[in-house]
Amino acid sequence: MRITLSLLAAVVGLTISAGCGGTYEPEQAPASEQAPVDEQLPEGTVTQQAICPQKWTCNYTRWYGSEATCVAGCGGTPCTLDYACTGSCLCP
């Protein structure tokens, strides 16, 4: 009986040390796609655009800081207060 227990212990020990007949390989997360090199920014670069400010205009080409300067610059054309969407900011 002692030989059987010793043999059983040896078999169990070998099985456990062999990893139950297989090897464990953890699943790897898929690699994230990166932007092309010409679209990558240097590390530490902040890419934040401000919302476009509201300014006065009569033709959406020229923008004025006050209604009085807009009226003076546009003559008889009525002025309106709107977001100055010039491409360098985000329009709401």
PDB file of N, CA and C in Angstrom:
ATOM      1  N   MET A   1       0.825  -1.174   0.000  1.00  0.00           N
ATOM      2  CA  MET A   1       0.000   0.000   0.000  1.00  0.00           C
ATOM      3  C   MET A   1       0.873   1.242   0.000  1.00  0.00           C
ATOM      4  N   ARG A   2       2.023   1.191   0.656  1.00  0.00           N
ATOM      5  CA  ARG A   2       2.902   2.349   0.686  1.00  0.00           C
ATOM      6  C   ARG A   2       3.439   2.641  -0.710  1.00  0.00           C
ATOM      7  N   ILE A   3       3.701   1.632  -1.476  1.00  0.00           N
ATOM      8  CA  ILE A   3       4.220   1.840  -2.828  1.00  0.00           C
ATOM      9  C   ILE A   3       3.147   2.504  -3.696  1.00  0.00           C
ATOM     10  N   THR A   4       1.921   2.135  -3.536  1.00  0.00           N
ATOM     11  CA  THR A   4       0.830   2.709  -4.307  1.00  0.00           C
ATOM     12  C   THR A   4       0.663   4.190  -3.969  1.00  0.00           C
ATOM     13  N   LEU A   5       0.712   4.521  -2.687  1.00  0.00           N
ATOM     14  CA  LEU A   5       0.574   5.925  -2.295  1.00  0.00           C
ATOM     15  C   LEU A   5       1.772   6.753  -2.777  1.00  0.00           C
ATOM     16  N   SER A   6       2.957   6.162  -2.697  1.00  0.00           N
ATOM     17  CA  SER A   6       4.141   6.868  -3.173  1.00  0.00           C
ATOM     18  C   SER A   6       4.072   7.070  -4.678  1.00  0.00           C
ATOM     19  N   LEU A   7       3.630   6.043  -5.397  1.00  0.00           N
ATOM     20  CA  LEU A   7       3.500   6.133  -6.851  1.00  0.00           C
ATOM     21  C   LEU A   7       2.435   7.154  -7.227  1.00  0.00           C
ATOM     22  N   LEU A   8       1.323   7.127  -6.502  1.00  0.00           N
ATOM     23  CA  LEU A   8       0.250   8.085  -6.748  1.00  0.00           C
ATOM     24  C   LEU A   8       0.731   9.516  -6.492  1.00  0.00           C
ATOM     25  N   ALA A   9       1.470   9.727  -5.425  1.00  0.00           N
ATOM     26  CA  ALA A   9       1.996  11.051  -5.099  1.00  0.00           C
ATOM     27  C   ALA A   9       2.964  11.516  -6.182  1.00  0.00           C
ATOM     28  N   ALA A  10       3.780  10.622  -6.704  1.00  0.00           N
ATOM     29  CA  ALA A  10       4.728  10.980  -7.757  1.00  0.00           C
ATOM     30  C   ALA A  10       3.996  11.361  -9.036  1.00  0.00           C
ATOM     31  N   VAL A  11       2.958  10.592  -9.399  1.00  0.00           N
ATOM     32  CA  VAL A  11       2.185  10.882 -10.613  1.00  0.00           C
ATOM     33  C   VAL A  11       1.475  12.222 -10.479  1.00  0.00           C
ATOM     34  N   VAL A  12       0.854  12.460  -9.331  1.00  0.00           N
ATOM     35  CA  VAL A  12       0.164  13.737  -9.104  1.00  0.00           C
ATOM     36  C   VAL A  12       1.168  14.889  -9.142  1.00  0.00           C
ATOM     37  N   GLY A  13       2.311  14.705  -8.538  1.00  0.00           N
ATOM     38  CA  GLY A  13       3.340  15.754  -8.534  1.00  0.00           C
ATOM     39  C   GLY A  13       3.835  16.068  -9.930  1.00  0.00           C
ATOM     40  N   LEU A  14       4.064  15.038 -10.745  1.00  0.00           N
ATOM     41  CA  LEU A  14       4.504  15.268 -12.127  1.00  0.00           C
ATOM     42  C   LEU A  14       3.421  15.941 -12.958  1.00  0.00           C
ATOM     43  N   THR A  15       2.184  15.556 -12.751  1.00  0.00           N
ATOM     44  CA  THR A  15       1.074  16.139 -13.500  1.00  0.00           C
ATOM     45  C   THR A  15       0.931  17.623 -13.185  1.00  0.00           C
ATOM     46  N   ILE A  16       1.003  17.934 -11.921  1.00  0.00           N
ATOM     47  CA  ILE A  16       0.867  19.357 -11.520  1.00  0.00           C
ATOM     48  C   ILE A  16       2.068  20.161 -12.002  1.00  0.00           C
ATOM     49  N   SER A  17       3.252  19.619 -11.891  1.00  0.00           N
ATOM     50  CA  SER A  17       4.431  20.375 -12.307  1.00  0.00           C
ATOM     51  C   SER A  17       4.484  20.541 -13.824  1.00  0.00           C
ATOM     52  N   ALA A  18       3.849  19.638 -14.559  1.00  0.00           N
ATOM     53  CA  ALA A  18       3.820  19.747 -16.016  1.00  0.00           C
ATOM     54  C   ALA A  18       2.703  20.665 -16.483  1.00  0.00           C
ATOM     55  N   GLY A  19       1.935  21.152 -15.561  1.00  0.00           N
ATOM     56  CA  GLY A  19       0.862  22.073 -15.924  1.00  0.00           C
ATOM     57  C   GLY A  19      -0.333  21.352 -16.494  1.00  0.00           C
ATOM     58  N   CYS A  20      -0.576  20.152 -16.062  1.00  0.00           N
ATOM     59  CA  CYS A  20      -1.704  19.340 -16.505  1.00  0.00           C
ATOM     60  C   CYS A  20      -1.653  19.079 -17.998  1.00  0.00           C
ATOM     61  N   GLY A  21      -0.483  18.996 -18.551  1.00  0.00           N
ATOM     62  CA  GLY A  21      -0.339  18.623 -19.945  1.00  0.00           C
ATOM     63  C   GLY A  21      -0.445  19.771 -20.923  1.00  0.00           C
ATOM     64  N   GLY A  22      -0.659  20.967 -20.479  1.00  0.00           N
ATOM     65  CA  GLY A  22      -0.776  22.096 -21.397  1.00  0.00           C
ATOM     66  C   GLY A  22       0.033  23.269 -20.897  1.00  0.00           C
ATOM     67  N   THR A  23       0.195  24.230 -21.741  1.00  0.00           N
ATOM     68  CA  THR A  23       0.900  25.435 -21.337  1.00  0.00           C
ATOM     69  C   THR A  23      -0.104  26.570 -21.269  1.00  0.00           C
ATOM     70  N   TYR A  24       0.089  27.457 -20.354  1.00  0.00           N
ATOM     71  CA  TYR A  24      -0.809  28.591 -20.175  1.00  0.00           C
ATOM     72  C   TYR A  24      -0.244  29.801 -20.896  1.00  0.00           C
ATOM     73  N   GLU A  25      -1.040  30.318 -21.819  1.00  0.00           N
ATOM     74  CA  GLU A  25      -0.663  31.541 -22.520  1.00  0.00           C
ATOM     75  C   GLU A  25      -1.805  32.526 -22.360  1.00  0.00           C
ATOM     76  N   PRO A  26      -1.574  33.609 -21.644  1.00  0.00           N
ATOM     77  CA  PRO A  26      -2.661  34.575 -21.462  1.00  0.00           C
ATOM     78  C   PRO A  26      -3.033  35.227 -22.790  1.00  0.00           C
ATOM     79  N   GLU A  27      -4.313  35.545 -22.913  1.00  0.00           N
ATOM     80  CA  GLU A  27      -4.758  36.216 -24.126  1.00  0.00           C
ATOM     81  C   GLU A  27      -4.206  37.629 -24.139  1.00  0.00           C
ATOM     82  N   GLN A  28      -3.788  38.036 -25.302  1.00  0.00           N
ATOM     83  CA  GLN A  28      -3.262  39.389 -25.436  1.00  0.00           C
ATOM     84  C   GLN A  28      -4.338  40.268 -26.041  1.00  0.00           C
ATOM     85  N   ALA A  29      -4.409  41.476 -25.536  1.00  0.00           N
ATOM     86  CA  ALA A  29      -5.362  42.432 -26.075  1.00  0.00           C
ATOM     87  C   ALA A  29      -4.942  42.810 -27.478  1.00  0.00           C
ATOM     88  N   PRO A  30      -5.915  43.044 -28.374  1.00  0.00           N
ATOM     89  CA  PRO A  30      -5.552  43.435 -29.735  1.00  0.00           C
ATOM     90  C   PRO A  30      -4.814  44.763 -29.731  1.00  0.00           C
ATOM     91  N   ALA A  31      -3.857  44.883 -30.614  1.00  0.00           N
ATOM     92  CA  ALA A  31      -3.073  46.121 -30.710  1.00  0.00           C
ATOM     93  C   ALA A  31      -3.979  47.241 -31.188  1.00  0.00           C
ATOM     94  N   SER A  32      -3.883  48.387 -30.542  1.00  0.00           N
ATOM     95  CA  SER A  32      -4.705  49.517 -30.964  1.00  0.00           C
ATOM     96  C   SER A  32      -4.118  50.112 -32.227  1.00  0.00           C
ATOM     97  N   GLU A  33      -5.031  50.573 -33.066  1.00  0.00           N
ATOM     98  CA  GLU A  33      -4.571  51.175 -34.309  1.00  0.00           C
ATOM     99  C   GLU A  33      -4.053  52.572 -34.016  1.00  0.00           C
ATOM    100  N   GLN A  34      -2.975  52.922 -34.649  1.00  0.00           N
ATOM    101  CA  GLN A  34      -2.407  54.245 -34.460  1.00  0.00           C
ATOM    102  C   GLN A  34      -2.672  55.073 -35.705  1.00  0.00           C
ATOM    103  N   ALA A  35      -2.699  56.359 -35.522  1.00  0.00           N
ATOM    104  CA  ALA A  35      -2.880  57.264 -36.645  1.00  0.00           C
ATOM    105  C   ALA A  35      -1.625  57.229 -37.512  1.00  0.00           C
ATOM    106  N   PRO A  36      -1.789  57.512 -38.806  1.00  0.00           N
ATOM    107  CA  PRO A  36      -0.598  57.580 -39.662  1.00  0.00           C
ATOM    108  C   PRO A  36       0.413  58.568 -39.104  1.00  0.00           C
ATOM    109  N   VAL A  37       1.663  58.377 -39.461  1.00  0.00           N
ATOM    110  CA  VAL A  37       2.752  59.186 -38.901  1.00  0.00           C
ATOM    111  C   VAL A  37       2.516  60.678 -39.121  1.00  0.00           C
ATOM    112  N   ASP A  38       1.987  61.059 -40.292  1.00  0.00           N
ATOM    113  CA  ASP A  38       1.802  62.482 -40.556  1.00  0.00           C
ATOM    114  C   ASP A  38       0.654  63.083 -39.743  1.00  0.00           C
ATOM    115  N   GLU A  39      -0.198  62.237 -39.116  1.00  0.00           N
ATOM    116  CA  GLU A  39      -1.279  62.751 -38.288  1.00  0.00           C
ATOM    117  C   GLU A  39      -0.952  62.690 -36.799  1.00  0.00           C
ATOM    118  N   GLN A  40       0.181  62.099 -36.433  1.00  0.00           N
ATOM    119  CA  GLN A  40       0.544  61.992 -35.029  1.00  0.00           C
ATOM    120  C   GLN A  40       1.142  63.303 -34.547  1.00  0.00           C
ATOM    121  N   LEU A  41       0.829  63.645 -33.319  1.00  0.00           N
ATOM    122  CA  LEU A  41       1.323  64.885 -32.730  1.00  0.00           C
ATOM    123  C   LEU A  41       2.430  64.569 -31.740  1.00  0.00           C
ATOM    124  N   PRO A  42       3.355  65.496 -31.540  1.00  0.00           N
ATOM    125  CA  PRO A  42       4.400  65.272 -30.542  1.00  0.00           C
ATOM    126  C   PRO A  42       3.772  65.060 -29.169  1.00  0.00           C
ATOM    127  N   GLU A  43       4.432  64.269 -28.350  1.00  0.00           N
ATOM    128  CA  GLU A  43       3.913  63.982 -27.021  1.00  0.00           C
ATOM    129  C   GLU A  43       3.832  65.267 -26.213  1.00  0.00           C
ATOM    130  N   GLY A  44       2.729  65.430 -25.510  1.00  0.00           N
ATOM    131  CA  GLY A  44       2.536  66.622 -24.700  1.00  0.00           C
ATOM    132  C   GLY A  44       1.806  67.737 -25.427  1.00  0.00           C
ATOM    133  N   THR A  45       1.468  67.541 -26.705  1.00  0.00           N
ATOM    134  CA  THR A  45       0.762  68.551 -27.471  1.00  0.00           C
ATOM    135  C   THR A  45      -0.708  68.559 -27.073  1.00  0.00           C
ATOM    136  N   VAL A  46      -1.244  69.723 -26.822  1.00  0.00           N
ATOM    137  CA  VAL A  46      -2.648  69.853 -26.472  1.00  0.00           C
ATOM    138  C   VAL A  46      -3.404  70.257 -27.721  1.00  0.00           C
ATOM    139  N   THR A  47      -4.448  69.507 -28.033  1.00  0.00           N
ATOM    140  CA  THR A  47      -5.235  69.820 -29.220  1.00  0.00           C
ATOM    141  C   THR A  47      -6.642  70.191 -28.778  1.00  0.00           C
ATOM    142  N   GLN A  48      -6.811  71.409 -28.380  1.00  0.00           N
ATOM    143  CA  GLN A  48      -8.102  71.873 -27.911  1.00  0.00           C
ATOM    144  C   GLN A  48      -8.421  73.167 -28.630  1.00  0.00           C
ATOM    145  N   GLN A  49      -9.596  73.215 -29.232  1.00  0.00           N
ATOM    146  CA  GLN A  49     -10.022  74.440 -29.874  1.00  0.00           C
ATOM    147  C   GLN A  49     -11.102  75.088 -29.016  1.00  0.00           C
ATOM    148  N   ALA A  50     -11.080  76.383 -28.982  1.00  0.00           N
ATOM    149  CA  ALA A  50     -12.076  77.125 -28.218  1.00  0.00           C
ATOM    150  C   ALA A  50     -13.337  77.302 -29.055  1.00  0.00           C
ATOM    151  N   ILE A  51     -14.438  77.541 -28.375  1.00  0.00           N
ATOM    152  CA  ILE A  51     -15.679  77.844 -29.077  1.00  0.00           C
ATOM    153  C   ILE A  51     -15.555  79.241 -29.659  1.00  0.00           C
ATOM    154  N   CYS A  52     -16.041  79.412 -30.864  1.00  0.00           N
ATOM    155  CA  CYS A  52     -15.936  80.705 -31.547  1.00  0.00           C
ATOM    156  C   CYS A  52     -16.638  81.798 -30.745  1.00  0.00           C
ATOM    157  N   PRO A  53     -16.034  82.971 -30.674  1.00  0.00           N
ATOM    158  CA  PRO A  53     -16.650  84.076 -29.924  1.00  0.00           C
ATOM    159  C   PRO A  53     -17.795  84.699 -30.720  1.00  0.00           C
ATOM    160  N   GLN A  54     -18.696  85.331 -30.000  1.00  0.00           N
ATOM    161  CA  GLN A  54     -19.763  86.066 -30.668  1.00  0.00           C
ATOM    162  C   GLN A  54     -19.253  87.450 -31.023  1.00  0.00           C
ATOM    163  N   LYS A  55     -19.458  87.819 -32.264  1.00  0.00           N
ATOM    164  CA  LYS A  55     -19.063  89.140 -32.736  1.00  0.00           C
ATOM    165  C   LYS A  55     -20.147  89.687 -33.647  1.00  0.00           C
ATOM    166  N   TRP A  56     -20.011  90.957 -33.969  1.00  0.00           N
ATOM    167  CA  TRP A  56     -20.980  91.619 -34.839  1.00  0.00           C
ATOM    168  C   TRP A  56     -20.522  91.539 -36.283  1.00  0.00           C
ATOM    169  N   THR A  57     -21.490  91.349 -37.199  1.00  0.00           N
ATOM    170  CA  THR A  57     -21.181  91.290 -38.624  1.00  0.00           C
ATOM    171  C   THR A  57     -22.374  91.743 -39.449  1.00  0.00           C
ATOM    172  N   CYS A  58     -22.090  92.139 -40.671  1.00  0.00           N
ATOM    173  CA  CYS A  58     -23.165  92.477 -41.599  1.00  0.00           C
ATOM    174  C   CYS A  58     -23.082  91.608 -42.859  1.00  0.00           C
ATOM    175  N   ASN A  59     -21.952  90.925 -43.046  1.00  0.00           N
ATOM    176  CA  ASN A  59     -21.777  90.131 -44.267  1.00  0.00           C
ATOM    177  C   ASN A  59     -21.096  88.780 -44.023  1.00  0.00           C
ATOM    178  N   TYR A  60     -20.847  88.413 -42.792  1.00  0.00           N
ATOM    179  CA  TYR A  60     -20.186  87.162 -42.398  1.00  0.00           C
ATOM    180  C   TYR A  60     -18.783  87.009 -42.995  1.00  0.00           C
ATOM    181  N   THR A  61     -18.203  88.115 -43.387  1.00  0.00           N
ATOM    182  CA  THR A  61     -16.815  88.134 -43.847  1.00  0.00           C
ATOM    183  C   THR A  61     -15.975  88.964 -42.897  1.00  0.00           C
ATOM    184  N   ARG A  62     -16.480  90.136 -42.537  1.00  0.00           N
ATOM    185  CA  ARG A  62     -15.814  91.012 -41.579  1.00  0.00           C
ATOM    186  C   ARG A  62     -16.533  90.906 -40.248  1.00  0.00           C
ATOM    187  N   TRP A  63     -15.754  90.859 -39.174  1.00  0.00           N
ATOM    188  CA  TRP A  63     -16.300  90.709 -37.832  1.00  0.00           C
ATOM    189  C   TRP A  63     -15.862  91.891 -36.977  1.00  0.00           C
ATOM    190  N   TYR A  64     -16.785  92.396 -36.142  1.00  0.00           N
ATOM    191  CA  TYR A  64     -16.529  93.568 -35.314  1.00  0.00           C
ATOM    192  C   TYR A  64     -16.787  93.235 -33.845  1.00  0.00           C
ATOM    193  N   GLY A  65     -16.030  93.881 -32.976  1.00  0.00           N
ATOM    194  CA  GLY A  65     -16.147  93.643 -31.540  1.00  0.00           C
ATOM    195  C   GLY A  65     -17.348  94.299 -30.891  1.00  0.00           C
ATOM    196  N   SER A  66     -17.906  95.332 -31.517  1.00  0.00           N
ATOM    197  CA  SER A  66     -19.070  96.002 -30.938  1.00  0.00           C
ATOM    198  C   SER A  66     -20.053  96.355 -32.049  1.00  0.00           C
ATOM    199  N   GLU A  67     -21.280  96.601 -31.648  1.00  0.00           N
ATOM    200  CA  GLU A  67     -22.307  96.954 -32.629  1.00  0.00           C
ATOM    201  C   GLU A  67     -22.004  98.306 -33.278  1.00  0.00           C
ATOM    202  N   ALA A  68     -21.460  99.233 -32.498  1.00  0.00           N
ATOM    203  CA  ALA A  68     -21.156 100.566 -33.035  1.00  0.00           C
ATOM    204  C   ALA A  68     -20.099 100.489 -34.137  1.00  0.00           C
ATOM    205  N   THR A  69     -19.044  99.698 -33.933  1.00  0.00           N
ATOM    206  CA  THR A  69     -18.015  99.578 -34.975  1.00  0.00           C
ATOM    207  C   THR A  69     -18.548  98.832 -36.186  1.00  0.00           C
ATOM    208  N   CYS A  70     -19.481  97.922 -35.973  1.00  0.00           N
ATOM    209  CA  CYS A  70     -20.088  97.201 -37.094  1.00  0.00           C
ATOM    210  C   CYS A  70     -20.931  98.155 -37.941  1.00  0.00           C
ATOM    211  N   VAL A  71     -21.746  98.949 -37.284  1.00  0.00           N
ATOM    212  CA  VAL A  71     -22.590  99.917 -38.009  1.00  0.00           C
ATOM    213  C   VAL A  71     -21.713 100.908 -38.763  1.00  0.00           C
ATOM    214  N   ALA A  72     -20.647 101.365 -38.141  1.00  0.00           N
ATOM    215  CA  ALA A  72     -19.738 102.308 -38.803  1.00  0.00           C
ATOM    216  C   ALA A  72     -19.038 101.643 -39.989  1.00  0.00           C
ATOM    217  N   GLY A  73     -18.680 100.370 -39.879  1.00  0.00           N
ATOM    218  CA  GLY A  73     -17.971  99.684 -40.950  1.00  0.00           C
ATOM    219  C   GLY A  73     -18.864  99.190 -42.068  1.00  0.00           C
ATOM    220  N   CYS A  74     -20.149  98.979 -41.778  1.00  0.00           N
ATOM    221  CA  CYS A  74     -21.054  98.411 -42.779  1.00  0.00           C
ATOM    222  C   CYS A  74     -21.982  99.446 -43.406  1.00  0.00           C
ATOM    223  N   GLY A  75     -21.934 100.655 -42.949  1.00  0.00           N
ATOM    224  CA  GLY A  75     -22.797 101.687 -43.529  1.00  0.00           C
ATOM    225  C   GLY A  75     -24.250 101.428 -43.191  1.00  0.00           C
ATOM    226  N   GLY A  76     -25.090 101.250 -44.207  1.00  0.00           N
ATOM    227  CA  GLY A  76     -26.530 101.072 -43.989  1.00  0.00           C
ATOM    228  C   GLY A  76     -26.948  99.622 -43.831  1.00  0.00           C
ATOM    229  N   THR A  77     -26.046  98.701 -43.997  1.00  0.00           N
ATOM    230  CA  THR A  77     -26.398  97.287 -43.870  1.00  0.00           C
ATOM    231  C   THR A  77     -26.590  96.940 -42.395  1.00  0.00           C
ATOM    232  N   PRO A  78     -27.707  96.265 -42.059  1.00  0.00           N
ATOM    233  CA  PRO A  78     -27.936  95.936 -40.652  1.00  0.00           C
ATOM    234  C   PRO A  78     -26.904  94.933 -40.115  1.00  0.00           C
ATOM    235  N   CYS A  79     -26.537  95.105 -38.862  1.00  0.00           N
ATOM    236  CA  CYS A  79     -25.564  94.229 -38.213  1.00  0.00           C
ATOM    237  C   CYS A  79     -26.277  93.216 -37.328  1.00  0.00           C
ATOM    238  N   THR A  80     -25.701  92.033 -37.242  1.00  0.00           N
ATOM    239  CA  THR A  80     -26.236  90.994 -36.369  1.00  0.00           C
ATOM    240  C   THR A  80     -25.122  90.428 -35.512  1.00  0.00           C
ATOM    241  N   LEU A  81     -25.502  89.956 -34.317  1.00  0.00           N
ATOM    242  CA  LEU A  81     -24.555  89.323 -33.409  1.00  0.00           C
ATOM    243  C   LEU A  81     -24.605  87.827 -33.673  1.00  0.00           C
ATOM    244  N   ASP A  82     -23.465  87.246 -34.013  1.00  0.00           N
ATOM    245  CA  ASP A  82     -23.409  85.817 -34.329  1.00  0.00           C
ATOM    246  C   ASP A  82     -22.028  85.275 -33.972  1.00  0.00           C
ATOM    247  N   TYR A  83     -21.891  83.970 -34.034  1.00  0.00           N
ATOM    248  CA  TYR A  83     -20.596  83.347 -33.767  1.00  0.00           C
ATOM    249  C   TYR A  83     -19.677  83.566 -34.957  1.00  0.00           C
ATOM    250  N   ALA A  84     -18.474  84.040 -34.697  1.00  0.00           N
ATOM    251  CA  ALA A  84     -17.497  84.299 -35.751  1.00  0.00           C
ATOM    252  C   ALA A  84     -16.806  82.991 -36.140  1.00  0.00           C
ATOM    253  N   CYS A  85     -17.453  82.228 -37.002  1.00  0.00           N
ATOM    254  CA  CYS A  85     -16.944  80.915 -37.425  1.00  0.00           C
ATOM    255  C   CYS A  85     -15.944  81.119 -38.575  1.00  0.00           C
ATOM    256  N   THR A  86     -14.690  81.236 -38.203  1.00  0.00           N
ATOM    257  CA  THR A  86     -13.657  81.531 -39.193  1.00  0.00           C
ATOM    258  C   THR A  86     -12.783  80.322 -39.532  1.00  0.00           C
ATOM    259  N   GLY A  87     -13.072  79.168 -38.924  1.00  0.00           N
ATOM    260  CA  GLY A  87     -12.284  77.969 -39.193  1.00  0.00           C
ATOM    261  C   GLY A  87     -11.218  77.698 -38.160  1.00  0.00           C
ATOM    262  N   SER A  88     -10.910  78.649 -37.305  1.00  0.00           N
ATOM    263  CA  SER A  88      -9.880  78.449 -36.302  1.00  0.00           C
ATOM    264  C   SER A  88     -10.482  78.151 -34.924  1.00  0.00           C
ATOM    265  N   CYS A  89     -11.802  77.948 -34.885  1.00  0.00           N
ATOM    266  CA  CYS A  89     -12.491  77.658 -33.634  1.00  0.00           C
ATOM    267  C   CYS A  89     -13.680  76.753 -33.921  1.00  0.00           C
ATOM    268  N   LEU A  90     -14.325  76.273 -32.865  1.00  0.00           N
ATOM    269  CA  LEU A  90     -15.484  75.409 -33.019  1.00  0.00           C
ATOM    270  C   LEU A  90     -16.753  76.209 -32.975  1.00  0.00           C
ATOM    271  N   CYS A  91     -17.626  76.011 -33.958  1.00  0.00           N
ATOM    272  CA  CYS A  91     -18.895  76.716 -33.989  1.00  0.00           C
ATOM    273  C   CYS A  91     -19.954  75.925 -33.247  1.00  0.00           C
ATOM    274  N   PRO A  92     -20.690  76.581 -32.370  1.00  0.00           N
ATOM    275  CA  PRO A  92     -21.765  75.874 -31.644  1.00  0.00           C
ATOM    276  C   PRO A  92     -22.943  75.593 -32.542  1.00  0.00           C
TER     277      PRO A  92
END
